[in-house]
Amino acid sequence: MIATSSSLRVYLAPGATDMRKSIDGLALIVSEVLVLNPFSESLFVFSNRGRNKLKILHWQTNGFWLYYRRLEKGRFHWPRQGDSEQAISLTQRELNWLLDGLPIEQKKAHQPLSYQSMI
């Protein structure tokens, strides 16, 4: 299970990533291509060209986690961003939708509410 917290950020790497890359190769993509800090409190999500495999890189305290998911049927609904190499920022909720096989744009989903008092 992926550790979550309110300060945890989620970034998708645009395009396809070679799934033979391990922790060091993915961390290098994060720092050199996405120009982000792989040691930050963030999840970095990568997908293959077929969109049926994902890897998630996550730094925690004193080491990296590398999560891997392979779909036997179907594909992940990966957002398109043109030719940009800039990371796509998601909420944890959108990541859960993506992992559940849904598009990240859920127009029928309940919108988060924030109240300060009952009156």
PDB file of N, CA and C in Angstrom:
ATOM      1  N   MET A   1       0.845  -1.172   0.000  1.00  0.00           N
ATOM      2  CA  MET A   1       0.000   0.000   0.000  1.00  0.00           C
ATOM      3  C   MET A   1       0.895   1.241   0.000  1.00  0.00           C
ATOM      4  N   ILE A   2       0.543   2.187  -0.803  1.00  0.00           N
ATOM      5  CA  ILE A   2       1.306   3.420  -0.912  1.00  0.00           C
ATOM      6  C   ILE A   2       0.987   4.312   0.283  1.00  0.00           C
ATOM      7  N   ALA A   3       2.025   4.770   0.962  1.00  0.00           N
ATOM      8  CA  ALA A   3       1.843   5.679   2.087  1.00  0.00           C
ATOM      9  C   ALA A   3       1.315   7.013   1.574  1.00  0.00           C
ATOM     10  N   THR A   4       0.324   7.555   2.261  1.00  0.00           N
ATOM     11  CA  THR A   4      -0.235   8.838   1.852  1.00  0.00           C
ATOM     12  C   THR A   4      -0.240   9.797   3.023  1.00  0.00           C
ATOM     13  N   SER A   5      -0.130  11.055   2.712  1.00  0.00           N
ATOM     14  CA  SER A   5      -0.265  12.120   3.698  1.00  0.00           C
ATOM     15  C   SER A   5      -0.784  13.338   2.968  1.00  0.00           C
ATOM     16  N   SER A   6      -1.272  14.302   3.707  1.00  0.00           N
ATOM     17  CA  SER A   6      -1.846  15.487   3.061  1.00  0.00           C
ATOM     18  C   SER A   6      -0.800  16.295   2.306  1.00  0.00           C
ATOM     19  N   SER A   7       0.472  16.182   2.676  1.00  0.00           N
ATOM     20  CA  SER A   7       1.511  16.958   1.999  1.00  0.00           C
ATOM     21  C   SER A   7       2.153  16.210   0.830  1.00  0.00           C
ATOM     22  N   LEU A   8       1.767  14.954   0.616  1.00  0.00           N
ATOM     23  CA  LEU A   8       2.339  14.149  -0.449  1.00  0.00           C
ATOM     24  C   LEU A   8       1.852  14.644  -1.806  1.00  0.00           C
ATOM     25  N   ARG A   9       2.802  14.966  -2.696  1.00  0.00           N
ATOM     26  CA  ARG A   9       2.478  15.427  -4.047  1.00  0.00           C
ATOM     27  C   ARG A   9       2.628  14.270  -5.020  1.00  0.00           C
ATOM     28  N   VAL A  10       1.899  14.335  -6.130  1.00  0.00           N
ATOM     29  CA  VAL A  10       1.927  13.286  -7.138  1.00  0.00           C
ATOM     30  C   VAL A  10       2.271  13.914  -8.479  1.00  0.00           C
ATOM     31  N   TYR A  11       3.254  13.324  -9.170  1.00  0.00           N
ATOM     32  CA  TYR A  11       3.659  13.808 -10.491  1.00  0.00           C
ATOM     33  C   TYR A  11       3.688  12.646 -11.470  1.00  0.00           C
ATOM     34  N   LEU A  12       3.089  12.845 -12.643  1.00  0.00           N
ATOM     35  CA  LEU A  12       3.175  11.864 -13.715  1.00  0.00           C
ATOM     36  C   LEU A  12       4.258  12.298 -14.683  1.00  0.00           C
ATOM     37  N   ALA A  13       5.090  11.365 -15.099  1.00  0.00           N
ATOM     38  CA  ALA A  13       6.075  11.644 -16.132  1.00  0.00           C
ATOM     39  C   ALA A  13       5.368  11.527 -17.479  1.00  0.00           C
ATOM     40  N   PRO A  14       5.431  12.563 -18.303  1.00  0.00           N
ATOM     41  CA  PRO A  14       4.742  12.497 -19.592  1.00  0.00           C
ATOM     42  C   PRO A  14       5.424  11.501 -20.532  1.00  0.00           C
ATOM     43  N   GLY A  15       4.685  11.038 -21.520  1.00  0.00           N
ATOM     44  CA  GLY A  15       5.252  10.119 -22.496  1.00  0.00           C
ATOM     45  C   GLY A  15       5.462   8.732 -21.922  1.00  0.00           C
ATOM     46  N   ALA A  16       6.237   7.940 -22.617  1.00  0.00           N
ATOM     47  CA  ALA A  16       6.507   6.564 -22.211  1.00  0.00           C
ATOM     48  C   ALA A  16       7.885   6.467 -21.562  1.00  0.00           C
ATOM     49  N   THR A  17       7.991   5.597 -20.581  1.00  0.00           N
ATOM     50  CA  THR A  17       9.251   5.350 -19.883  1.00  0.00           C
ATOM     51  C   THR A  17       9.640   3.893 -20.073  1.00  0.00           C
ATOM     52  N   ASP A  18      10.909   3.650 -20.251  1.00  0.00           N
ATOM     53  CA  ASP A  18      11.438   2.289 -20.364  1.00  0.00           C
ATOM     54  C   ASP A  18      11.282   1.608 -19.003  1.00  0.00           C
ATOM     55  N   MET A  19      10.451   0.577 -18.935  1.00  0.00           N
ATOM     56  CA  MET A  19      10.164  -0.093 -17.671  1.00  0.00           C
ATOM     57  C   MET A  19      11.323  -0.959 -17.183  1.00  0.00           C
ATOM     58  N   ARG A  20      12.409  -1.040 -17.957  1.00  0.00           N
ATOM     59  CA  ARG A  20      13.595  -1.744 -17.472  1.00  0.00           C
ATOM     60  C   ARG A  20      14.368  -0.890 -16.479  1.00  0.00           C
ATOM     61  N   LYS A  21      14.051   0.404 -16.424  1.00  0.00           N
ATOM     62  CA  LYS A  21      14.742   1.300 -15.488  1.00  0.00           C
ATOM     63  C   LYS A  21      14.347   0.957 -14.062  1.00  0.00           C
ATOM     64  N   SER A  22      15.336   1.004 -13.180  1.00  0.00           N
ATOM     65  CA  SER A  22      15.067   0.763 -11.769  1.00  0.00           C
ATOM     66  C   SER A  22      15.150   2.092 -11.016  1.00  0.00           C
ATOM     67  N   ILE A  23      15.353   2.021  -9.738  1.00  0.00           N
ATOM     68  CA  ILE A  23      15.310   3.208  -8.881  1.00  0.00           C
ATOM     69  C   ILE A  23      16.263   4.299  -9.352  1.00  0.00           C
ATOM     70  N   ASP A  24      17.522   3.963  -9.585  1.00  0.00           N
ATOM     71  CA  ASP A  24      18.494   4.986  -9.975  1.00  0.00           C
ATOM     72  C   ASP A  24      18.135   5.646 -11.304  1.00  0.00           C
ATOM     73  N   GLY A  25      17.721   4.853 -12.286  1.00  0.00           N
ATOM     74  CA  GLY A  25      17.353   5.401 -13.589  1.00  0.00           C
ATOM     75  C   GLY A  25      16.132   6.293 -13.510  1.00  0.00           C
ATOM     76  N   LEU A  26      15.130   5.895 -12.720  1.00  0.00           N
ATOM     77  CA  LEU A  26      13.922   6.709 -12.567  1.00  0.00           C
ATOM     78  C   LEU A  26      14.223   7.986 -11.781  1.00  0.00           C
ATOM     79  N   ALA A  27      15.057   7.885 -10.749  1.00  0.00           N
ATOM     80  CA  ALA A  27      15.436   9.080  -9.978  1.00  0.00           C
ATOM     81  C   ALA A  27      16.183  10.068 -10.868  1.00  0.00           C
ATOM     82  N   LEU A  28      16.984   9.553 -11.783  1.00  0.00           N
ATOM     83  CA  LEU A  28      17.700  10.420 -12.717  1.00  0.00           C
ATOM     84  C   LEU A  28      16.715  11.139 -13.662  1.00  0.00           C
ATOM     85  N   ILE A  29      15.690  10.439 -14.123  1.00  0.00           N
ATOM     86  CA  ILE A  29      14.652  11.078 -14.944  1.00  0.00           C
ATOM     87  C   ILE A  29      13.966  12.189 -14.152  1.00  0.00           C
ATOM     88  N   VAL A  30      13.648  11.915 -12.894  1.00  0.00           N
ATOM     89  CA  VAL A  30      12.989  12.915 -12.057  1.00  0.00           C
ATOM     90  C   VAL A  30      13.848  14.169 -11.941  1.00  0.00           C
ATOM     91  N   SER A  31      15.124  13.998 -11.667  1.00  0.00           N
ATOM     92  CA  SER A  31      15.974  15.170 -11.446  1.00  0.00           C
ATOM     93  C   SER A  31      16.410  15.850 -12.738  1.00  0.00           C
ATOM     94  N   GLU A  32      16.765  15.087 -13.773  1.00  0.00           N
ATOM     95  CA  GLU A  32      17.326  15.676 -14.989  1.00  0.00           C
ATOM     96  C   GLU A  32      16.276  16.079 -16.025  1.00  0.00           C
ATOM     97  N   VAL A  33      15.229  15.283 -16.189  1.00  0.00           N
ATOM     98  CA  VAL A  33      14.225  15.555 -17.214  1.00  0.00           C
ATOM     99  C   VAL A  33      13.060  16.366 -16.649  1.00  0.00           C
ATOM    100  N   LEU A  34      12.507  15.912 -15.520  1.00  0.00           N
ATOM    101  CA  LEU A  34      11.367  16.604 -14.922  1.00  0.00           C
ATOM    102  C   LEU A  34      11.786  17.813 -14.092  1.00  0.00           C
ATOM    103  N   VAL A  35      13.076  17.899 -13.787  1.00  0.00           N
ATOM    104  CA  VAL A  35      13.666  18.972 -12.977  1.00  0.00           C
ATOM    105  C   VAL A  35      12.932  19.097 -11.630  1.00  0.00           C
ATOM    106  N   LEU A  36      12.797  17.943 -10.968  1.00  0.00           N
ATOM    107  CA  LEU A  36      12.189  17.877  -9.643  1.00  0.00           C
ATOM    108  C   LEU A  36      13.149  17.124  -8.724  1.00  0.00           C
ATOM    109  N   ASN A  37      12.904  17.190  -7.439  1.00  0.00           N
ATOM    110  CA  ASN A  37      13.762  16.552  -6.449  1.00  0.00           C
ATOM    111  C   ASN A  37      13.234  15.153  -6.126  1.00  0.00           C
ATOM    112  N   PRO A  38      13.935  14.083  -6.499  1.00  0.00           N
ATOM    113  CA  PRO A  38      13.445  12.732  -6.213  1.00  0.00           C
ATOM    114  C   PRO A  38      13.394  12.408  -4.720  1.00  0.00           C
ATOM    115  N   PHE A  39      14.047  13.227  -3.885  1.00  0.00           N
ATOM    116  CA  PHE A  39      14.046  13.011  -2.436  1.00  0.00           C
ATOM    117  C   PHE A  39      12.942  13.795  -1.728  1.00  0.00           C
ATOM    118  N   SER A  40      12.102  14.463  -2.493  1.00  0.00           N
ATOM    119  CA  SER A  40      11.006  15.231  -1.901  1.00  0.00           C
ATOM    120  C   SER A  40       9.878  14.287  -1.481  1.00  0.00           C
ATOM    121  N   GLU A  41       8.950  14.837  -0.714  1.00  0.00           N
ATOM    122  CA  GLU A  41       7.800  14.044  -0.277  1.00  0.00           C
ATOM    123  C   GLU A  41       6.794  13.985  -1.426  1.00  0.00           C
ATOM    124  N   SER A  42       7.110  13.147  -2.422  1.00  0.00           N
ATOM    125  CA  SER A  42       6.305  13.062  -3.642  1.00  0.00           C
ATOM    126  C   SER A  42       6.288  11.645  -4.178  1.00  0.00           C
ATOM    127  N   LEU A  43       5.259  11.368  -4.974  1.00  0.00           N
ATOM    128  CA  LEU A  43       5.189  10.140  -5.750  1.00  0.00           C
ATOM    129  C   LEU A  43       5.442  10.514  -7.199  1.00  0.00           C
ATOM    130  N   PHE A  44       6.317   9.789  -7.864  1.00  0.00           N
ATOM    131  CA  PHE A  44       6.617  10.020  -9.269  1.00  0.00           C
ATOM    132  C   PHE A  44       6.156   8.791 -10.036  1.00  0.00           C
ATOM    133  N   VAL A  45       5.212   8.999 -10.953  1.00  0.00           N
ATOM    134  CA  VAL A  45       4.545   7.896 -11.641  1.00  0.00           C
ATOM    135  C   VAL A  45       5.000   7.845 -13.095  1.00  0.00           C
ATOM    136  N   PHE A  46       5.368   6.640 -13.551  1.00  0.00           N
ATOM    137  CA  PHE A  46       5.870   6.412 -14.902  1.00  0.00           C
ATOM    138  C   PHE A  46       5.045   5.312 -15.553  1.00  0.00           C
ATOM    139  N   SER A  47       4.861   5.402 -16.866  1.00  0.00           N
ATOM    140  CA  SER A  47       4.132   4.375 -17.590  1.00  0.00           C
ATOM    141  C   SER A  47       4.900   3.960 -18.831  1.00  0.00           C
ATOM    142  N   ASN A  48       4.647   2.730 -19.281  1.00  0.00           N
ATOM    143  CA  ASN A  48       5.258   2.256 -20.512  1.00  0.00           C
ATOM    144  C   ASN A  48       4.439   2.730 -21.722  1.00  0.00           C
ATOM    145  N   ARG A  49       4.923   2.451 -22.909  1.00  0.00           N
ATOM    146  CA  ARG A  49       4.252   2.887 -24.142  1.00  0.00           C
ATOM    147  C   ARG A  49       2.872   2.243 -24.289  1.00  0.00           C
ATOM    148  N   GLY A  50       2.722   0.992 -23.874  1.00  0.00           N
ATOM    149  CA  GLY A  50       1.446   0.288 -23.988  1.00  0.00           C
ATOM    150  C   GLY A  50       0.423   0.692 -22.937  1.00  0.00           C
ATOM    151  N   ARG A  51       0.834   1.493 -21.966  1.00  0.00           N
ATOM    152  CA  ARG A  51      -0.030   1.972 -20.882  1.00  0.00           C
ATOM    153  C   ARG A  51      -0.655   0.850 -20.056  1.00  0.00           C
ATOM    154  N   ASN A  52       0.025  -0.289 -19.990  1.00  0.00           N
ATOM    155  CA  ASN A  52      -0.472  -1.371 -19.143  1.00  0.00           C
ATOM    156  C   ASN A  52       0.466  -1.652 -17.961  1.00  0.00           C
ATOM    157  N   LYS A  53       1.535  -0.852 -17.837  1.00  0.00           N
ATOM    158  CA  LYS A  53       2.473  -1.007 -16.724  1.00  0.00           C
ATOM    159  C   LYS A  53       2.768   0.366 -16.128  1.00  0.00           C
ATOM    160  N   LEU A  54       2.861   0.398 -14.810  1.00  0.00           N
ATOM    161  CA  LEU A  54       3.217   1.629 -14.086  1.00  0.00           C
ATOM    162  C   LEU A  54       4.317   1.326 -13.094  1.00  0.00           C
ATOM    163  N   LYS A  55       5.168   2.314 -12.873  1.00  0.00           N
ATOM    164  CA  LYS A  55       6.113   2.291 -11.759  1.00  0.00           C
ATOM    165  C   LYS A  55       5.936   3.601 -11.013  1.00  0.00           C
ATOM    166  N   ILE A  56       5.987   3.514  -9.685  1.00  0.00           N
ATOM    167  CA  ILE A  56       5.876   4.690  -8.830  1.00  0.00           C
ATOM    168  C   ILE A  56       7.104   4.729  -7.934  1.00  0.00           C
ATOM    169  N   LEU A  57       7.826   5.837  -7.999  1.00  0.00           N
ATOM    170  CA  LEU A  57       9.026   6.046  -7.194  1.00  0.00           C
ATOM    171  C   LEU A  57       8.679   6.961  -6.028  1.00  0.00           C
ATOM    172  N   HIS A  58       9.111   6.567  -4.830  1.00  0.00           N
ATOM    173  CA  HIS A  58       8.769   7.338  -3.630  1.00  0.00           C
ATOM    174  C   HIS A  58       9.920   7.252  -2.625  1.00  0.00           C
ATOM    175  N   TRP A  59      10.433   8.399  -2.198  1.00  0.00           N
ATOM    176  CA  TRP A  59      11.451   8.466  -1.154  1.00  0.00           C
ATOM    177  C   TRP A  59      10.758   8.516   0.195  1.00  0.00           C
ATOM    178  N   GLN A  60      11.219   7.696   1.145  1.00  0.00           N
ATOM    179  CA  GLN A  60      10.655   7.732   2.496  1.00  0.00           C
ATOM    180  C   GLN A  60      11.778   7.582   3.509  1.00  0.00           C
ATOM    181  N   THR A  61      12.014   8.601   4.286  1.00  0.00           N
ATOM    182  CA  THR A  61      12.964   8.647   5.393  1.00  0.00           C
ATOM    183  C   THR A  61      14.410   8.355   5.001  1.00  0.00           C
ATOM    184  N   ASN A  62      14.712   7.115   4.656  1.00  0.00           N
ATOM    185  CA  ASN A  62      16.106   6.762   4.382  1.00  0.00           C
ATOM    186  C   ASN A  62      16.273   5.824   3.191  1.00  0.00           C
ATOM    187  N   GLY A  63      15.267   5.772   2.334  1.00  0.00           N
ATOM    188  CA  GLY A  63      15.366   4.908   1.168  1.00  0.00           C
ATOM    189  C   GLY A  63      14.190   5.078   0.225  1.00  0.00           C
ATOM    190  N   PHE A  64      14.345   4.515  -0.967  1.00  0.00           N
ATOM    191  CA  PHE A  64      13.305   4.601  -1.985  1.00  0.00           C
ATOM    192  C   PHE A  64      12.383   3.388  -1.932  1.00  0.00           C
ATOM    193  N   TRP A  65      11.124   3.644  -2.223  1.00  0.00           N
ATOM    194  CA  TRP A  65      10.148   2.600  -2.534  1.00  0.00           C
ATOM    195  C   TRP A  65       9.990   2.604  -4.043  1.00  0.00           C
ATOM    196  N   LEU A  66       9.831   1.437  -4.641  1.00  0.00           N
ATOM    197  CA  LEU A  66       9.506   1.333  -6.058  1.00  0.00           C
ATOM    198  C   LEU A  66       8.309   0.399  -6.186  1.00  0.00           C
ATOM    199  N   TYR A  67       7.174   0.984  -6.526  1.00  0.00           N
ATOM    200  CA  TYR A  67       5.944   0.226  -6.718  1.00  0.00           C
ATOM    201  C   TYR A  67       5.810  -0.093  -8.202  1.00  0.00           C
ATOM    202  N   TYR A  68       5.314  -1.287  -8.506  1.00  0.00           N
ATOM    203  CA  TYR A  68       5.163  -1.717  -9.897  1.00  0.00           C
ATOM    204  C   TYR A  68       3.784  -2.335 -10.058  1.00  0.00           C
ATOM    205  N   ARG A  69       3.091  -1.947 -11.111  1.00  0.00           N
ATOM    206  CA  ARG A  69       1.764  -2.509 -11.370  1.00  0.00           C
ATOM    207  C   ARG A  69       1.669  -2.876 -12.840  1.00  0.00           C
ATOM    208  N   ARG A  70       1.217  -4.101 -13.119  1.00  0.00           N
ATOM    209  CA  ARG A  70       1.017  -4.560 -14.487  1.00  0.00           C
ATOM    210  C   ARG A  70      -0.419  -5.021 -14.632  1.00  0.00           C
ATOM    211  N   LEU A  71      -1.118  -4.469 -15.615  1.00  0.00           N
ATOM    212  CA  LEU A  71      -2.483  -4.894 -15.905  1.00  0.00           C
ATOM    213  C   LEU A  71      -2.454  -6.097 -16.837  1.00  0.00           C
ATOM    214  N   GLU A  72      -3.237  -7.101 -16.541  1.00  0.00           N
ATOM    215  CA  GLU A  72      -3.337  -8.265 -17.419  1.00  0.00           C
ATOM    216  C   GLU A  72      -4.256  -7.960 -18.603  1.00  0.00           C
ATOM    217  N   LYS A  73      -5.253  -7.103 -18.379  1.00  0.00           N
ATOM    218  CA  LYS A  73      -6.169  -6.674 -19.439  1.00  0.00           C
ATOM    219  C   LYS A  73      -6.407  -5.184 -19.252  1.00  0.00           C
ATOM    220  N   GLY A  74      -6.565  -4.484 -20.339  1.00  0.00           N
ATOM    221  CA  GLY A  74      -6.877  -3.061 -20.269  1.00  0.00           C
ATOM    222  C   GLY A  74      -5.637  -2.194 -20.228  1.00  0.00           C
ATOM    223  N   ARG A  75      -5.890  -0.896 -20.146  1.00  0.00           N
ATOM    224  CA  ARG A  75      -4.830   0.107 -20.147  1.00  0.00           C
ATOM    225  C   ARG A  75      -5.164   1.194 -19.138  1.00  0.00           C
ATOM    226  N   PHE A  76      -4.144   1.884 -18.675  1.00  0.00           N
ATOM    227  CA  PHE A  76      -4.344   3.047 -17.825  1.00  0.00           C
ATOM    228  C   PHE A  76      -4.726   4.236 -18.697  1.00  0.00           C
ATOM    229  N   HIS A  77      -5.598   5.095 -18.192  1.00  0.00           N
ATOM    230  CA  HIS A  77      -6.017   6.306 -18.902  1.00  0.00           C
ATOM    231  C   HIS A  77      -4.998   7.401 -18.623  1.00  0.00           C
ATOM    232  N   TRP A  78      -3.922   7.397 -19.386  1.00  0.00           N
ATOM    233  CA  TRP A  78      -2.822   8.340 -19.186  1.00  0.00           C
ATOM    234  C   TRP A  78      -3.171   9.663 -19.836  1.00  0.00           C
ATOM    235  N   PRO A  79      -3.082  10.776 -19.119  1.00  0.00           N
ATOM    236  CA  PRO A  79      -3.402  12.075 -19.728  1.00  0.00           C
ATOM    237  C   PRO A  79      -2.381  12.457 -20.788  1.00  0.00           C
ATOM    238  N   ARG A  80      -2.852  13.145 -21.811  1.00  0.00           N
ATOM    239  CA  ARG A  80      -1.975  13.616 -22.887  1.00  0.00           C
ATOM    240  C   ARG A  80      -1.526  15.030 -22.574  1.00  0.00           C
ATOM    241  N   GLN A  81      -0.268  15.323 -22.896  1.00  0.00           N
ATOM    242  CA  GLN A  81       0.259  16.660 -22.649  1.00  0.00           C
ATOM    243  C   GLN A  81       1.065  17.163 -23.839  1.00  0.00           C
ATOM    244  N   GLY A  82       0.816  16.627 -25.006  1.00  0.00           N
ATOM    245  CA  GLY A  82       1.555  17.078 -26.181  1.00  0.00           C
ATOM    246  C   GLY A  82       3.007  16.660 -26.128  1.00  0.00           C
ATOM    247  N   ASP A  83       3.884  17.542 -26.567  1.00  0.00           N
ATOM    248  CA  ASP A  83       5.315  17.244 -26.607  1.00  0.00           C
ATOM    249  C   ASP A  83       6.060  17.735 -25.369  1.00  0.00           C
ATOM    250  N   SER A  84       5.355  18.234 -24.383  1.00  0.00           N
ATOM    251  CA  SER A  84       5.992  18.787 -23.194  1.00  0.00           C
ATOM    252  C   SER A  84       6.656  17.688 -22.369  1.00  0.00           C
ATOM    253  N   GLU A  85       7.805  18.007 -21.788  1.00  0.00           N
ATOM    254  CA  GLU A  85       8.484  17.078 -20.872  1.00  0.00           C
ATOM    255  C   GLU A  85       8.239  17.466 -19.423  1.00  0.00           C
ATOM    256  N   GLN A  86       7.324  18.403 -19.200  1.00  0.00           N
ATOM    257  CA  GLN A  86       7.022  18.852 -17.851  1.00  0.00           C
ATOM    258  C   GLN A  86       6.115  17.832 -17.160  1.00  0.00           C
ATOM    259  N   ALA A  87       6.381  17.585 -15.891  1.00  0.00           N
ATOM    260  CA  ALA A  87       5.584  16.640 -15.119  1.00  0.00           C
ATOM    261  C   ALA A  87       4.143  17.130 -14.996  1.00  0.00           C
ATOM    262  N   ILE A  88       3.221  16.181 -14.957  1.00  0.00           N
ATOM    263  CA  ILE A  88       1.798  16.476 -14.780  1.00  0.00           C
ATOM    264  C   ILE A  88       1.492  16.300 -13.304  1.00  0.00           C
ATOM    265  N   SER A  89       1.014  17.355 -12.659  1.00  0.00           N
ATOM    266  CA  SER A  89       0.712  17.303 -11.231  1.00  0.00           C
ATOM    267  C   SER A  89      -0.709  16.785 -11.027  1.00  0.00           C
ATOM    268  N   LEU A  90      -0.851  15.815 -10.117  1.00  0.00           N
ATOM    269  CA  LEU A  90      -2.155  15.232  -9.795  1.00  0.00           C
ATOM    270  C   LEU A  90      -2.401  15.311  -8.304  1.00  0.00           C
ATOM    271  N   THR A  91      -3.658  15.164  -7.936  1.00  0.00           N
ATOM    272  CA  THR A  91      -3.996  14.971  -6.528  1.00  0.00           C
ATOM    273  C   THR A  91      -3.920  13.471  -6.233  1.00  0.00           C
ATOM    274  N   GLN A  92      -3.893  13.126  -4.962  1.00  0.00           N
ATOM    275  CA  GLN A  92      -3.888  11.710  -4.592  1.00  0.00           C
ATOM    276  C   GLN A  92      -5.188  11.050  -5.048  1.00  0.00           C
ATOM    277  N   ARG A  93      -6.264  11.795  -5.023  1.00  0.00           N
ATOM    278  CA  ARG A  93      -7.569  11.297  -5.473  1.00  0.00           C
ATOM    279  C   ARG A  93      -7.517  10.945  -6.963  1.00  0.00           C
ATOM    280  N   GLU A  94      -6.914  11.819  -7.766  1.00  0.00           N
ATOM    281  CA  GLU A  94      -6.787  11.556  -9.201  1.00  0.00           C
ATOM    282  C   GLU A  94      -5.885  10.351  -9.458  1.00  0.00           C
ATOM    283  N   LEU A  95      -4.834  10.192  -8.658  1.00  0.00           N
ATOM    284  CA  LEU A  95      -3.969   9.021  -8.791  1.00  0.00           C
ATOM    285  C   LEU A  95      -4.762   7.749  -8.521  1.00  0.00           C
ATOM    286  N   ASN A  96      -5.599   7.765  -7.495  1.00  0.00           N
ATOM    287  CA  ASN A  96      -6.419   6.594  -7.198  1.00  0.00           C
ATOM    288  C   ASN A  96      -7.357   6.276  -8.364  1.00  0.00           C
ATOM    289  N   TRP A  97      -7.930   7.302  -8.981  1.00  0.00           N
ATOM    290  CA  TRP A  97      -8.778   7.077 -10.154  1.00  0.00           C
ATOM    291  C   TRP A  97      -7.963   6.423 -11.262  1.00  0.00           C
ATOM    292  N   LEU A  98      -6.772   6.943 -11.522  1.00  0.00           N
ATOM    293  CA  LEU A  98      -5.898   6.401 -12.560  1.00  0.00           C
ATOM    294  C   LEU A  98      -5.590   4.931 -12.277  1.00  0.00           C
ATOM    295  N   LEU A  99      -5.232   4.608 -11.032  1.00  0.00           N
ATOM    296  CA  LEU A  99      -4.909   3.233 -10.664  1.00  0.00           C
ATOM    297  C   LEU A  99      -6.123   2.312 -10.745  1.00  0.00           C
ATOM    298  N   ASP A 100      -7.320   2.877 -10.581  1.00  0.00           N
ATOM    299  CA  ASP A 100      -8.559   2.098 -10.692  1.00  0.00           C
ATOM    300  C   ASP A 100      -9.036   1.958 -12.135  1.00  0.00           C
ATOM    301  N   GLY A 101      -8.278   2.506 -13.083  1.00  0.00           N
ATOM    302  CA  GLY A 101      -8.642   2.373 -14.488  1.00  0.00           C
ATOM    303  C   GLY A 101      -9.561   3.454 -15.002  1.00  0.00           C
ATOM    304  N   LEU A 102      -9.663   4.543 -14.271  1.00  0.00           N
ATOM    305  CA  LEU A 102     -10.551   5.639 -14.666  1.00  0.00           C
ATOM    306  C   LEU A 102      -9.738   6.819 -15.179  1.00  0.00           C
ATOM    307  N   PRO A 103     -10.343   7.650 -16.026  1.00  0.00           N
ATOM    308  CA  PRO A 103      -9.673   8.898 -16.416  1.00  0.00           C
ATOM    309  C   PRO A 103      -9.545   9.815 -15.198  1.00  0.00           C
ATOM    310  N   ILE A 104      -8.533  10.661 -15.189  1.00  0.00           N
ATOM    311  CA  ILE A 104      -8.345  11.544 -14.027  1.00  0.00           C
ATOM    312  C   ILE A 104      -9.351  12.684 -14.017  1.00  0.00           C
ATOM    313  N   GLU A 105     -10.050  12.924 -15.116  1.00  0.00           N
ATOM    314  CA  GLU A 105     -11.080  13.965 -15.162  1.00  0.00           C
ATOM    315  C   GLU A 105     -12.432  13.321 -14.877  1.00  0.00           C
ATOM    316  N   GLN A 106     -12.796  13.230 -13.627  1.00  0.00           N
ATOM    317  CA  GLN A 106     -14.080  12.650 -13.222  1.00  0.00           C
ATOM    318  C   GLN A 106     -15.073  13.768 -12.968  1.00  0.00           C
ATOM    319  N   LYS A 107     -15.849  14.097 -13.975  1.00  0.00           N
ATOM    320  CA  LYS A 107     -16.778  15.233 -13.866  1.00  0.00           C
ATOM    321  C   LYS A 107     -17.928  14.961 -12.907  1.00  0.00           C
ATOM    322  N   LYS A 108     -18.268  13.691 -12.684  1.00  0.00           N
ATOM    323  CA  LYS A 108     -19.387  13.357 -11.809  1.00  0.00           C
ATOM    324  C   LYS A 108     -18.968  13.119 -10.358  1.00  0.00           C
ATOM    325  N   ALA A 109     -17.698  13.218 -10.073  1.00  0.00           N
ATOM    326  CA  ALA A 109     -17.223  12.985  -8.711  1.00  0.00           C
ATOM    327  C   ALA A 109     -17.646  14.128  -7.792  1.00  0.00           C
ATOM    328  N   HIS A 110     -17.865  13.804  -6.540  1.00  0.00           N
ATOM    329  CA  HIS A 110     -18.177  14.843  -5.553  1.00  0.00           C
ATOM    330  C   HIS A 110     -16.973  15.757  -5.397  1.00  0.00           C
ATOM    331  N   GLN A 111     -17.211  17.039  -5.398  1.00  0.00           N
ATOM    332  CA  GLN A 111     -16.125  18.009  -5.218  1.00  0.00           C
ATOM    333  C   GLN A 111     -15.787  18.103  -3.729  1.00  0.00           C
ATOM    334  N   PRO A 112     -14.509  18.199  -3.402  1.00  0.00           N
ATOM    335  CA  PRO A 112     -14.118  18.342  -1.993  1.00  0.00           C
ATOM    336  C   PRO A 112     -14.667  19.653  -1.408  1.00  0.00           C
ATOM    337  N   LEU A 113     -15.139  19.580  -0.187  1.00  0.00           N
ATOM    338  CA  LEU A 113     -15.658  20.753   0.505  1.00  0.00           C
ATOM    339  C   LEU A 113     -14.814  21.020   1.729  1.00  0.00           C
ATOM    340  N   SER A 114     -14.729  22.293   2.098  1.00  0.00           N
ATOM    341  CA  SER A 114     -13.968  22.686   3.273  1.00  0.00           C
ATOM    342  C   SER A 114     -14.762  23.720   4.045  1.00  0.00           C
ATOM    343  N   TYR A 115     -15.148  23.390   5.270  1.00  0.00           N
ATOM    344  CA  TYR A 115     -15.934  24.301   6.084  1.00  0.00           C
ATOM    345  C   TYR A 115     -15.131  24.732   7.310  1.00  0.00           C
ATOM    346  N   GLN A 116     -15.401  25.934   7.782  1.00  0.00           N
ATOM    347  CA  GLN A 116     -14.763  26.450   8.981  1.00  0.00           C
ATOM    348  C   GLN A 116     -15.659  26.370  10.208  1.00  0.00           C
ATOM    349  N   SER A 117     -16.985  26.373  10.004  1.00  0.00           N
ATOM    350  CA  SER A 117     -17.915  26.282  11.134  1.00  0.00           C
ATOM    351  C   SER A 117     -19.227  25.700  10.661  1.00  0.00           C
ATOM    352  N   MET A 118     -20.109  25.380  11.619  1.00  0.00           N
ATOM    353  CA  MET A 118     -21.401  24.787  11.302  1.00  0.00           C
ATOM    354  C   MET A 118     -22.464  25.834  10.990  1.00  0.00           C
ATOM    355  N   ILE A 119     -22.186  27.094  11.259  1.00  0.00           N
ATOM    356  CA  ILE A 119     -23.191  28.152  11.066  1.00  0.00           C
ATOM    357  C   ILE A 119     -22.983  28.830   9.737  1.00  0.00           C
TER     358      ILE A 119
END
